[in-house]
Protein backbone atom coordinates (compact mmCIF):
# COMPACT_ATOMS: atom_id res chain seq x y z
CA MET A 1 26.70 11.52 -1.08
CA ALA A 2 23.92 13.70 -2.80
CA ASP A 3 23.99 17.36 -3.22
CA SER A 4 21.59 19.40 -2.36
CA HIS A 5 20.02 19.25 -5.95
CA GLY A 6 19.71 15.58 -5.69
CA GLY A 7 21.47 12.57 -7.54
CA PRO A 8 22.61 9.31 -6.62
CA VAL A 9 23.93 8.50 -3.11
CA ARG A 10 26.36 5.94 -2.47
CA PRO A 11 25.07 4.33 1.38
CA ALA A 12 27.79 3.22 3.69
CA SER A 13 29.97 0.53 2.35
CA CYS A 14 27.49 -2.73 2.34
CA ALA A 15 30.52 -5.04 1.45
CA GLY A 16 30.68 -8.79 2.65
CA ALA A 17 26.42 -8.32 2.50
CA ASP A 18 26.66 -11.28 0.68
CA ARG A 19 28.54 -13.64 3.02
CA LEU A 20 25.55 -12.20 5.79
CA ARG A 21 22.79 -13.03 3.09
CA ASP A 22 24.07 -16.63 2.62
CA ALA A 23 23.83 -16.30 6.85
CA PHE A 24 20.82 -15.98 6.77
CA LEU A 25 19.52 -19.46 4.00
CA SER A 26 21.74 -21.76 5.65
CA ALA A 27 20.24 -21.07 9.05
CA GLY A 28 16.78 -20.87 7.13
CA PHE A 29 16.57 -17.39 8.43
CA THR A 30 13.59 -16.18 6.07
CA VAL A 31 9.52 -15.87 6.42
CA ASP A 32 8.69 -19.35 6.16
CA GLY A 33 11.81 -20.55 8.50
CA VAL A 34 10.73 -18.42 11.17
CA ALA A 35 7.24 -19.53 10.97
CA ASP A 36 7.93 -22.99 11.82
CA LEU A 37 9.95 -22.60 14.21
CA LEU A 38 7.79 -19.79 16.75
CA GLY A 39 4.45 -21.06 15.40
CA PRO A 40 1.10 -19.64 14.81
CA VAL A 41 0.83 -18.86 19.01
CA ALA A 42 4.54 -17.24 19.42
CA GLN A 43 3.78 -15.45 16.19
CA ALA A 44 0.47 -13.98 17.09
CA ALA A 45 1.70 -13.19 20.26
CA LEU A 46 5.00 -11.43 18.92
CA ALA A 47 2.18 -9.27 16.96
CA ARG A 48 1.73 -8.07 20.40
CA HIS A 49 4.74 -7.21 20.91
CA GLU A 50 4.89 -9.79 23.57
CA THR A 51 8.28 -12.34 23.32
CA VAL A 52 7.85 -15.06 26.09
CA PRO A 53 6.71 -17.24 24.02
CA ALA A 54 8.75 -16.13 20.86
CA ARG A 55 11.92 -16.55 23.58
CA ARG A 56 10.25 -20.45 24.57
CA ALA A 57 10.07 -21.28 21.12
CA ALA A 58 13.75 -20.05 20.36
CA ALA A 59 15.84 -21.16 22.76
CA GLY A 60 15.85 -24.03 21.75
CA GLY A 61 16.27 -23.70 17.82
CA GLY A 62 20.05 -24.26 17.39
CA GLN A 63 21.25 -21.74 14.71
CA LEU A 64 17.94 -20.08 13.69
CA GLY A 65 16.44 -19.82 17.09
CA THR A 66 19.99 -18.10 17.70
CA LEU A 67 19.27 -15.46 14.68
CA VAL A 68 15.68 -14.95 16.11
CA ARG A 69 16.63 -14.24 19.32
CA MET A 70 19.21 -11.92 18.54
CA LEU A 71 17.74 -9.76 15.37
CA LEU A 72 13.81 -10.58 16.26
CA LEU A 73 13.15 -10.44 19.81
CA GLN A 74 16.50 -7.71 20.54
CA GLN A 75 18.49 -10.04 23.58
CA GLU A 76 21.60 -10.35 23.99
CA VAL A 77 23.69 -13.73 23.28
CA PRO A 78 27.14 -14.36 24.06
CA GLN A 79 29.58 -12.99 20.77
CA ALA A 80 30.84 -16.95 20.69
CA GLU A 81 27.31 -17.67 19.49
CA ALA A 82 26.93 -15.58 17.26
CA ALA A 83 30.09 -15.72 15.70
CA ALA A 84 28.82 -20.00 15.38
CA VAL A 85 26.04 -18.63 13.11
CA LEU A 86 26.95 -16.17 10.89
CA PRO A 87 30.23 -13.92 10.40
CA LEU A 88 30.14 -11.42 12.78
CA ASP A 89 32.85 -8.95 11.63
CA VAL A 90 30.41 -8.78 9.00
CA ALA A 91 27.19 -7.53 10.68
CA VAL A 92 29.26 -5.45 13.14
CA ALA A 93 30.90 -3.57 10.48
CA LEU A 94 27.21 -3.47 8.58
CA GLY A 95 25.86 -2.28 12.15
CA VAL A 96 23.39 -5.32 12.06
CA LEU A 97 25.07 -6.22 15.47
CA GLY A 98 27.01 -4.15 18.44
CA ALA A 99 29.33 -5.86 20.15
CA ASP A 100 29.38 -4.76 24.24
CA GLY A 101 31.62 -6.86 26.08
CA ASP A 102 31.41 -10.79 24.84
CA GLU A 103 27.85 -9.48 24.10
CA VAL A 104 26.00 -8.98 20.56
CA ARG A 105 22.75 -7.11 20.20
CA ALA A 106 20.67 -5.53 17.23
CA ARG A 107 21.93 -2.27 16.59
CA VAL A 108 18.78 -2.94 13.70
CA ASP A 109 15.82 -4.01 13.08
CA VAL A 110 16.64 -6.96 10.66
CA ARG A 111 13.57 -9.37 9.59
CA PRO A 112 12.84 -11.73 6.97
CA HIS A 113 10.21 -10.58 4.07
CA SER A 114 8.30 -12.01 1.57
CA PRO A 115 7.69 -11.17 -1.95
CA GLY A 116 4.18 -12.96 -0.74
CA LEU A 117 4.16 -9.18 0.84
CA ALA A 118 4.37 -11.41 3.85
CA GLY A 119 7.01 -10.67 5.96
CA VAL A 120 7.96 -11.21 9.87
CA ALA A 121 6.69 -8.00 11.02
CA HIS A 122 6.54 -8.75 14.31
CA GLY A 123 4.63 -11.97 13.88
CA GLU A 124 2.41 -10.93 11.16
CA SER A 125 1.70 -13.23 8.51
CA HIS A 126 0.82 -12.58 5.15
CA PRO A 127 -3.09 -12.23 4.20
CA THR A 128 -3.31 -15.15 1.50
CA GLY A 129 -1.05 -17.38 3.04
CA GLU A 130 1.74 -16.81 1.09
CA GLY A 131 5.77 -17.35 2.38
CA ASP A 132 8.42 -18.02 0.85
CA ALA A 133 6.79 -16.70 -3.09
CA GLY A 134 8.68 -17.11 -5.66
CA GLY A 135 11.87 -18.88 -4.39
CA GLU A 136 13.38 -15.47 -3.53
CA ARG A 137 14.27 -14.12 -0.56
CA TRP A 138 14.39 -10.52 1.28
CA TRP A 139 15.63 -9.11 4.33
CA VAL A 140 14.46 -5.30 5.32
CA VAL A 141 16.80 -3.28 7.46
CA SER A 142 15.08 -0.42 10.04
CA ASP A 143 15.84 0.69 12.68
CA LEU A 144 14.99 -0.92 16.15
CA GLY A 145 11.01 -0.38 17.07
CA THR A 146 9.43 0.94 19.94
CA GLY A 147 9.75 -2.03 22.04
CA LEU A 148 8.53 -4.99 23.32
CA ASP A 149 6.60 -6.39 26.39
CA GLY A 150 5.17 -3.28 26.02
CA VAL A 151 8.33 -1.49 27.27
CA HIS A 152 7.67 1.54 24.81
CA ARG A 153 10.15 4.42 23.79
CA PRO A 154 9.37 7.15 21.79
CA LEU A 155 10.99 7.29 18.56
CA ASP A 156 13.12 10.49 17.20
CA GLY A 157 12.62 12.16 15.03
CA GLN A 158 15.13 10.27 12.38
CA HIS A 159 13.45 6.81 12.86
CA VAL A 160 13.23 4.75 9.63
CA LEU A 161 10.18 2.31 9.73
CA GLY A 162 9.92 -1.32 9.07
CA VAL A 163 7.02 -3.03 7.08
CA GLY A 164 3.69 -1.89 8.61
CA GLY A 165 0.08 -1.73 8.16
CA ALA A 166 0.21 1.05 5.75
CA SER A 167 3.64 -0.04 3.72
CA THR A 168 1.98 -3.80 3.22
CA THR A 169 -1.41 -2.02 2.13
CA LEU A 170 0.33 0.14 -0.20
CA ALA A 171 2.51 -2.76 -1.32
CA GLN A 172 -1.22 -5.05 -1.89
CA LEU A 173 -2.69 -1.91 -4.01
CA THR A 174 0.34 -1.93 -6.51
CA PRO A 175 -0.07 -4.11 -10.07
CA ARG A 176 2.71 -6.26 -10.82
CA ASP A 177 2.78 -5.74 -14.50
CA PRO A 178 5.89 -5.67 -16.49
CA VAL A 179 7.77 -2.21 -16.75
CA ASP A 180 10.47 -0.32 -17.87
CA ARG A 181 11.43 1.79 -15.03
CA THR A 182 9.84 2.43 -11.39
CA LEU A 183 10.09 5.47 -9.29
CA ASP A 184 9.60 5.16 -5.46
CA VAL A 185 9.06 8.62 -3.48
CA GLY A 186 9.58 8.18 -0.11
CA THR A 187 10.88 4.89 0.51
CA GLY A 188 11.74 4.20 3.69
CA CYS A 189 12.98 1.01 4.31
CA GLY A 190 13.25 0.55 0.68
CA VAL A 191 10.72 -2.33 1.19
CA HIS A 192 8.63 -1.30 -2.08
CA ALA A 193 11.38 -0.78 -3.83
CA LEU A 194 12.15 -4.82 -2.87
CA HIS A 195 8.34 -5.25 -4.49
CA ALA A 196 9.27 -2.93 -7.80
CA ALA A 197 12.59 -4.90 -8.70
CA ARG A 198 10.58 -8.40 -9.60
CA HIS A 199 8.76 -6.60 -12.07
CA SER A 200 11.14 -3.37 -13.15
CA ARG A 201 14.00 -3.06 -15.42
CA GLN A 202 15.17 -0.40 -13.26
CA VAL A 203 13.64 1.20 -9.91
CA VAL A 204 14.55 4.43 -8.55
CA ALA A 205 14.01 5.53 -5.23
CA THR A 206 13.92 8.92 -3.54
CA ASP A 207 13.97 10.02 0.66
CA VAL A 208 14.82 13.12 2.18
CA SER A 209 16.32 11.58 4.49
CA ARG A 210 20.29 10.39 4.76
CA ARG A 211 19.64 7.32 7.25
CA ALA A 212 16.34 5.97 5.35
CA LEU A 213 18.61 5.32 2.09
CA GLN A 214 21.42 4.02 3.89
CA LEU A 215 19.23 1.16 5.47
CA ALA A 216 17.34 0.96 2.23
CA GLY A 217 20.71 0.70 0.67
CA LEU A 218 21.13 -2.37 2.97
CA THR A 219 17.70 -3.63 2.43
CA ALA A 220 18.62 -4.01 -1.22
CA ALA A 221 22.19 -5.22 -0.80
CA LEU A 222 20.79 -8.13 1.75
CA SER A 223 18.60 -9.08 -0.54
CA GLY A 224 20.44 -9.31 -3.81
CA VAL A 225 18.39 -6.57 -5.10
CA THR A 226 19.71 -3.12 -7.55
CA VAL A 227 17.99 -0.09 -7.01
CA ASP A 228 19.18 3.14 -8.31
CA LEU A 229 18.98 5.67 -4.37
CA ARG A 230 18.96 9.28 -4.58
CA GLU A 231 18.52 11.66 -2.00
CA GLY A 232 16.02 14.78 -2.08
CA ASP A 233 12.42 16.12 -1.65
CA LEU A 234 9.88 13.77 -3.15
CA LEU A 235 10.65 14.34 -6.64
CA HIS A 236 13.11 16.53 -6.50
CA PRO A 237 15.72 14.40 -7.83
CA VAL A 238 13.60 12.10 -10.30
CA ALA A 239 13.26 15.74 -12.40
CA ASP A 240 12.57 15.94 -16.09
CA GLU A 241 13.28 11.92 -15.54
CA ALA A 242 10.17 9.43 -16.89
CA PHE A 243 8.68 6.29 -15.07
CA ASP A 244 6.07 4.18 -15.86
CA LEU A 245 4.94 3.35 -12.56
CA VAL A 246 5.46 5.90 -9.29
CA VAL A 247 4.87 4.49 -5.94
CA SER A 248 4.76 6.40 -2.96
CA ASN A 249 3.97 5.71 0.89
CA PRO A 250 4.92 9.84 2.11
CA PRO A 251 4.72 11.47 4.87
CA PHE A 252 1.61 12.02 4.90
CA VAL A 253 0.29 12.61 8.52
CA ILE A 254 -1.22 15.83 9.39
CA GLY A 255 -0.53 19.23 11.60
CA ALA A 256 2.19 17.51 13.98
CA PRO A 257 3.47 19.73 15.67
CA GLU A 258 6.68 18.12 16.29
CA SER A 259 7.77 16.62 12.79
CA ARG A 260 9.08 13.59 12.25
CA THR A 261 10.58 12.58 9.26
CA TYR A 262 9.14 9.17 8.54
CA ARG A 263 5.39 10.77 8.71
CA ASP A 264 5.37 14.58 9.02
CA SER A 265 6.57 16.14 5.73
CA GLY A 266 7.05 19.45 7.54
CA LEU A 267 4.31 20.72 4.91
CA PRO A 268 0.95 22.21 5.70
CA LEU A 269 -1.93 19.71 6.54
CA ASP A 270 -1.97 17.87 3.29
CA THR A 271 0.19 19.22 1.28
CA VAL A 272 2.57 16.85 0.35
CA GLY A 273 -0.43 14.60 -1.05
CA ALA A 274 -1.46 17.49 -3.02
CA ARG A 275 1.88 17.66 -4.47
CA LEU A 276 2.59 14.34 -5.53
CA ALA A 277 -1.02 13.72 -6.65
CA GLY A 278 -0.45 16.70 -8.74
CA GLU A 279 3.75 16.84 -10.40
CA ALA A 280 3.63 12.85 -10.52
CA PRO A 281 1.55 12.41 -13.66
CA GLY A 282 3.64 15.33 -15.35
CA LEU A 283 6.70 11.78 -14.78
CA LEU A 284 4.58 9.27 -16.18
CA THR A 285 5.05 7.72 -19.88
CA GLU A 286 1.48 7.81 -21.50
CA GLY A 287 -0.52 4.91 -19.77
CA GLY A 288 2.35 5.35 -16.76
CA THR A 289 0.82 4.74 -13.37
CA LEU A 290 0.96 6.56 -10.23
CA VAL A 291 -0.25 4.62 -6.86
CA MET A 292 -0.24 6.49 -3.73
CA LEU A 293 -1.17 6.35 -0.28
CA ALA A 294 -2.45 10.04 1.49
CA ASN A 295 -4.52 11.67 4.23
CA TRP A 296 -6.48 14.89 3.27
CA VAL A 297 -8.35 16.52 5.83
CA HIS A 298 -12.51 17.65 6.05
CA ARG A 299 -13.70 21.19 6.76
CA GLN A 300 -17.13 21.72 8.02
CA GLY A 301 -19.08 22.50 4.76
CA ALA A 302 -16.55 21.34 2.57
CA ASP A 303 -16.37 17.85 0.54
CA TRP A 304 -13.21 15.99 0.68
CA GLN A 305 -14.25 14.46 -3.15
CA ASP A 306 -13.84 18.51 -4.57
CA ARG A 307 -10.12 19.02 -2.66
CA VAL A 308 -9.34 15.84 -3.34
CA THR A 309 -9.97 16.16 -6.70
CA GLY A 310 -8.75 19.65 -6.64
CA TRP A 311 -4.91 18.17 -6.75
CA LEU A 312 -4.76 16.43 -10.04
CA PRO A 313 -3.68 18.23 -13.20
CA ALA A 314 -6.90 19.00 -15.41
CA HIS A 315 -6.26 17.02 -18.30
CA GLY A 316 -4.31 14.36 -19.47
CA VAL A 317 -5.65 11.20 -16.38
CA ASP A 318 -7.98 8.83 -15.20
CA ALA A 319 -8.18 8.73 -11.53
CA LEU A 320 -9.71 6.48 -8.70
CA LEU A 321 -9.83 8.07 -5.47
CA VAL A 322 -10.28 5.72 -2.69
CA GLN A 323 -11.34 6.84 1.27
CA ARG A 324 -11.14 4.39 3.54
CA GLU A 325 -11.13 5.13 6.90
CA LEU A 326 -12.29 8.92 8.31
CA LEU A 327 -11.13 9.85 11.94
CA ASP A 328 -12.30 12.58 13.89
CA PRO A 329 -9.33 14.62 15.64
CA ALA A 330 -8.84 13.13 18.48
CA ALA A 331 -8.65 9.94 17.14
CA TYR A 332 -5.92 10.38 14.67
CA VAL A 333 -4.09 12.36 16.48
CA ALA A 334 -4.13 9.50 19.94
CA THR A 335 -3.19 6.97 16.81
CA TRP A 336 -0.01 9.07 15.61
CA LEU A 337 0.91 9.65 18.87
CA ALA A 338 0.66 5.81 20.13
CA ASP A 339 1.96 5.17 16.50
CA ALA A 340 5.52 6.53 17.77
CA GLY A 341 5.76 4.88 21.29
CA GLU A 342 4.68 8.30 22.90
CA ARG A 343 1.67 7.22 24.73
CA GLY A 344 3.76 6.76 28.05
CA ASP A 345 5.77 9.90 28.23
CA PRO A 346 5.27 12.13 30.21
CA SER A 347 5.17 15.14 27.50
CA TYR A 348 1.91 12.94 26.17
CA VAL A 349 -0.50 15.01 26.95
CA ARG A 350 1.72 18.57 25.80
CA ARG A 351 1.88 16.79 22.97
CA TYR A 352 -2.00 16.22 22.22
CA ASP A 353 -3.11 19.13 23.27
CA ALA A 354 -0.52 20.75 21.11
CA TRP A 355 -1.59 18.89 17.97
CA LEU A 356 -5.28 19.10 18.46
CA ASP A 357 -4.57 23.11 18.60
CA ALA A 358 -2.86 22.87 15.34
CA LEU A 359 -5.79 20.94 13.61
CA GLY A 360 -8.52 23.26 15.19
CA ARG A 361 -6.73 26.90 14.32
CA GLU A 362 -7.02 24.67 10.70
CA ARG A 363 -11.21 23.93 11.26
CA VAL A 364 -10.29 20.30 10.58
CA ASP A 365 -13.01 18.00 11.57
CA ALA A 366 -11.84 14.63 10.46
CA VAL A 367 -9.05 13.00 8.40
CA GLY A 368 -9.70 11.45 5.35
CA PHE A 369 -7.40 7.97 5.01
CA GLY A 370 -6.73 6.98 1.32
CA VAL A 371 -5.45 6.11 -1.80
CA VAL A 372 -4.36 7.73 -4.96
CA VAL A 373 -4.47 5.36 -8.57
CA LEU A 374 -4.10 6.84 -11.75
CA ARG A 375 -2.75 6.90 -14.74
CA ARG A 376 -1.49 9.50 -17.34
CA THR A 377 -3.48 9.62 -21.10
CA ASP A 378 -3.51 12.25 -23.47
CA ALA A 379 -7.44 12.47 -22.94
CA GLU A 380 -10.15 14.89 -21.31
CA ARG A 381 -9.45 14.41 -17.11
CA ARG A 382 -12.11 11.38 -15.44
CA VAL A 383 -11.68 11.36 -11.97
CA THR A 384 -14.46 8.36 -10.01
CA THR A 385 -14.66 9.46 -6.09
CA LEU A 386 -15.37 6.42 -4.37
CA ASP A 387 -15.76 5.71 0.19
CA TRP A 388 -15.58 2.34 0.53
CA PRO A 389 -14.40 1.78 4.03
CA HIS A 390 -15.77 -1.76 3.56
CA PRO A 391 -13.79 -5.22 3.44
CA VAL A 392 -11.66 -5.98 0.39
CA GLU A 393 -9.87 -8.74 -1.41
CA GLN A 394 -5.94 -8.03 -1.19
CA PRO A 395 -3.97 -7.70 -3.40
CA LEU A 396 -6.28 -5.84 -4.82
CA GLY A 397 -3.74 -4.23 -7.36
CA PRO A 398 -5.23 -6.18 -10.28
CA HIS A 399 -8.14 -5.08 -9.63
CA LEU A 400 -6.93 -1.33 -9.51
CA ALA A 401 -5.25 -2.21 -12.36
CA GLY A 402 -8.65 -4.01 -14.44
CA TRP A 403 -10.78 -0.34 -13.67
CA LEU A 404 -7.89 1.91 -15.39
CA ASP A 405 -8.66 -0.41 -18.48
CA ARG A 406 -11.53 0.08 -18.41
CA GLN A 407 -11.90 4.44 -18.46
CA ARG A 408 -9.84 3.93 -21.50
CA TRP A 409 -12.96 1.53 -23.27
CA LEU A 410 -15.02 3.44 -22.09
CA ALA A 411 -13.63 6.88 -22.56
CA ALA A 412 -13.77 4.79 -26.57
CA HIS A 413 -17.31 4.34 -25.77
CA GLU A 414 -19.12 7.41 -24.51
CA ASP A 415 -21.45 7.83 -28.40
CA ASP A 416 -24.13 5.40 -27.23
CA ASP A 417 -23.92 4.08 -30.72
CA ALA A 418 -20.44 2.76 -30.00
CA LEU A 419 -21.22 1.08 -26.83
CA GLY A 420 -24.38 -0.14 -28.52
CA SER A 421 -22.31 -1.92 -31.16
CA ALA A 422 -19.64 -3.00 -28.52
CA THR A 423 -20.32 -7.34 -26.88
CA VAL A 424 -19.43 -6.96 -22.50
CA ARG A 425 -19.88 -10.31 -20.49
CA LEU A 426 -20.79 -10.39 -16.53
CA ALA A 427 -17.68 -10.29 -14.34
CA PRO A 428 -17.53 -14.27 -12.85
CA ASP A 429 -17.44 -12.97 -9.96
CA VAL A 430 -20.98 -11.01 -9.66
CA VAL A 431 -23.49 -13.17 -7.99
CA GLN A 432 -27.21 -11.53 -7.43
CA GLU A 433 -29.05 -11.56 -3.97
CA GLN A 434 -32.79 -10.96 -3.90
CA ILE A 435 -34.20 -9.02 -0.54
CA GLY A 436 -38.08 -8.89 0.37
CA ALA A 437 -40.34 -11.09 2.94
CA PRO A 438 -40.32 -14.54 2.87
CA GLY A 439 -42.75 -16.29 0.54
CA ALA A 440 -43.50 -13.23 -1.51
CA GLU A 441 -44.03 -13.60 -5.07
CA ASP A 442 -41.23 -10.67 -5.93
CA PRO A 443 -38.60 -9.74 -4.45
CA GLU A 444 -38.21 -5.68 -2.59
CA HIS A 445 -34.45 -5.36 -3.42
CA VAL A 446 -32.16 -7.20 -5.90
CA VAL A 447 -28.53 -6.56 -5.55
CA LEU A 448 -25.51 -7.57 -8.06
CA ARG A 449 -22.58 -8.05 -5.55
CA GLN A 450 -18.81 -8.23 -6.54
CA GLN A 451 -17.17 -11.27 -4.96
CA VAL A 452 -13.46 -10.19 -5.40
CA GLY A 453 -11.70 -6.75 -5.48
CA LEU A 454 -13.64 -3.71 -3.71
CA ARG A 455 -16.65 -5.70 -3.44
CA ARG A 456 -18.90 -3.50 -3.83
CA ALA A 457 -22.61 -3.53 -4.50
CA PHE A 458 -25.12 -2.30 -6.14
CA ALA A 459 -29.53 -1.97 -5.95
CA ALA A 460 -30.86 -3.15 -9.88
CA ASP A 461 -34.32 -2.52 -11.09
CA THR A 462 -35.18 -5.43 -12.92
CA GLY A 463 -34.25 -4.08 -16.61
CA THR A 464 -30.76 -3.65 -15.42
CA ALA A 465 -30.67 -7.08 -13.63
CA ALA A 466 -32.05 -8.90 -16.75
CA LEU A 467 -29.36 -6.93 -18.86
CA VAL A 468 -26.44 -7.91 -16.91
CA GLY A 469 -27.41 -11.25 -16.68
CA ALA A 470 -27.56 -11.61 -20.20
CA CYS A 471 -24.88 -10.17 -21.21
CA ASP A 472 -22.01 -13.09 -21.94
CA GLY A 473 -20.27 -11.01 -24.79
CA THR A 474 -21.96 -13.35 -27.61
CA LEU A 475 -24.54 -10.31 -29.27
CA PRO A 476 -24.00 -6.71 -28.61
CA VAL A 477 -24.62 -4.84 -25.78
CA GLY A 478 -27.46 -2.72 -28.07
CA THR A 479 -29.17 -5.91 -28.67
CA LEU A 480 -28.96 -6.95 -24.94
CA VAL A 481 -31.18 -3.45 -24.56
CA GLY A 482 -33.32 -3.48 -26.87
CA ALA A 483 -34.88 -7.17 -26.57
CA VAL A 484 -34.39 -6.57 -22.68
CA ARG A 485 -37.15 -3.53 -23.16
CA GLN A 486 -39.52 -5.28 -25.58
CA VAL A 487 -39.70 -8.65 -22.73
CA LEU A 488 -40.33 -5.92 -20.23
CA GLY A 489 -42.57 -3.75 -22.23
CA ASP A 490 -41.02 -0.42 -21.87
CA ASP A 491 -41.17 1.60 -24.26
CA GLY A 492 -41.03 4.92 -22.52
CA PRO A 493 -39.05 7.75 -23.14
CA GLY A 494 -35.35 7.37 -22.19
CA GLY A 495 -35.11 3.34 -21.59
CA HIS A 496 -32.50 2.68 -23.94
CA ALA A 497 -30.76 5.37 -23.16
CA ASP A 498 -31.23 4.94 -19.46
CA LEU A 499 -30.32 1.17 -19.96
CA LEU A 500 -27.07 2.16 -21.74
CA ALA A 501 -25.68 4.17 -18.71
CA GLN A 502 -26.62 1.28 -16.17
CA VAL A 503 -24.41 -0.94 -18.54
CA ARG A 504 -21.46 2.20 -18.42
CA VAL A 505 -22.09 2.65 -14.38
CA MET A 506 -21.85 -1.77 -14.43
CA VAL A 507 -18.46 -1.07 -16.83
CA GLU A 508 -16.47 1.46 -15.00
CA ALA A 509 -16.98 -0.59 -11.82
CA GLY A 510 -16.62 -4.24 -13.13
CA VAL A 511 -19.65 -5.68 -12.74
CA LEU A 512 -19.34 -5.87 -16.71
CA THR A 513 -15.97 -5.95 -18.60
CA PRO A 514 -15.34 -5.42 -22.30
CA SER A 515 -14.94 -8.75 -24.56
CA PRO A 516 -11.79 -9.57 -25.78
């Protein structure tokens, strides 16, 4: 195992994992196989932690039904029945199953997951309907959850989470361009290492929890993926190394009076986000990308934008900071207590009280949840902040990669002459909406709305709308600006510069895209 300075971790032997994988494949224990067996009604019920419909569907499901009852529904199964489906000696040796008399029961949560980001996470289906994408089959190993059928048990401090909402969000946010080396910081069950392995020559994953690294090792072994696991705090195990992509779903929860490794860093407030955003760019290759989830505090009289921007290096990054949700302290505390299965615990009120006290002492008015995306450059820092709680199109990763590419293009066209000689085109997803009284000759408002990505909307005056509509990639921007001003009779001072400024805004957002 690794020493206190970090280093490679050799988890408990995963010998025989290939035999277990073969048994899963033979029985059809995959995303699509489980979905077909359970059907939409039982899957939806399982997403609500209700097992009865799934039990009924699995009862006559043969070998697949046995695996579903053991591994997804956490039922006891006779040893003879289990042995008929999989190599029982391997499952017990790997810690997947435990024997109790003539019965066996799951000791960890093992569920199919898909490169299409689906997985069978308590019955959840992939938002795009994509199942076992690309012919690959994965299985994610984590600790048993808080319970099914409404019976909850608090999670202990070393609990290793499976695939949940945050990890799915990060997977959808991450660009998937081929890279040489990827780093997964705080890997947990190892799901992001699986996704990275599809487009990376080498994947390195770190975690402070030895338990997490052992389960991540089993996740990788069952899924036939190679991951270099390192034990240590955040970036410490990879100091002085270089990566093309860094992803992290870190323990970002703020202010908990009692630490749980999977969610709490043990650092003050939002320090874990500040450390990663400030230090990870130093590990990135030129043009390398960081994508991380984070929480940040809101304090009275202070802007969250200034706080999170202050995390970043003063030079050499293009960054997009997006706040997706904002919770008041009570809602925030209740959310995470429920997530840990503590709502029914006798100490619930005491924990709630102590947590609110901790946030109150730090003058926290609210907590924001969002994403930090940045690319390392050799130029001046460019930062965009966006408060965007609205629906977006997933996966968002390709759109974020496009945003980063456009930042470099804008940096090269900061001069008005350079922009005026460039050509841009209207993105095919953008539509124009005209808002006004029925029958009115002219609209009161013109809105340009994106149909993909962040799905942002922009109010536009007549000149901007005309200019954007004329951008088809054939004529230089300066020529189009002149033509629009001539048609509108706009000869006043600043008109030309104002329209060029609008072009920059639209390129930054992706309404307009640079021509090849």
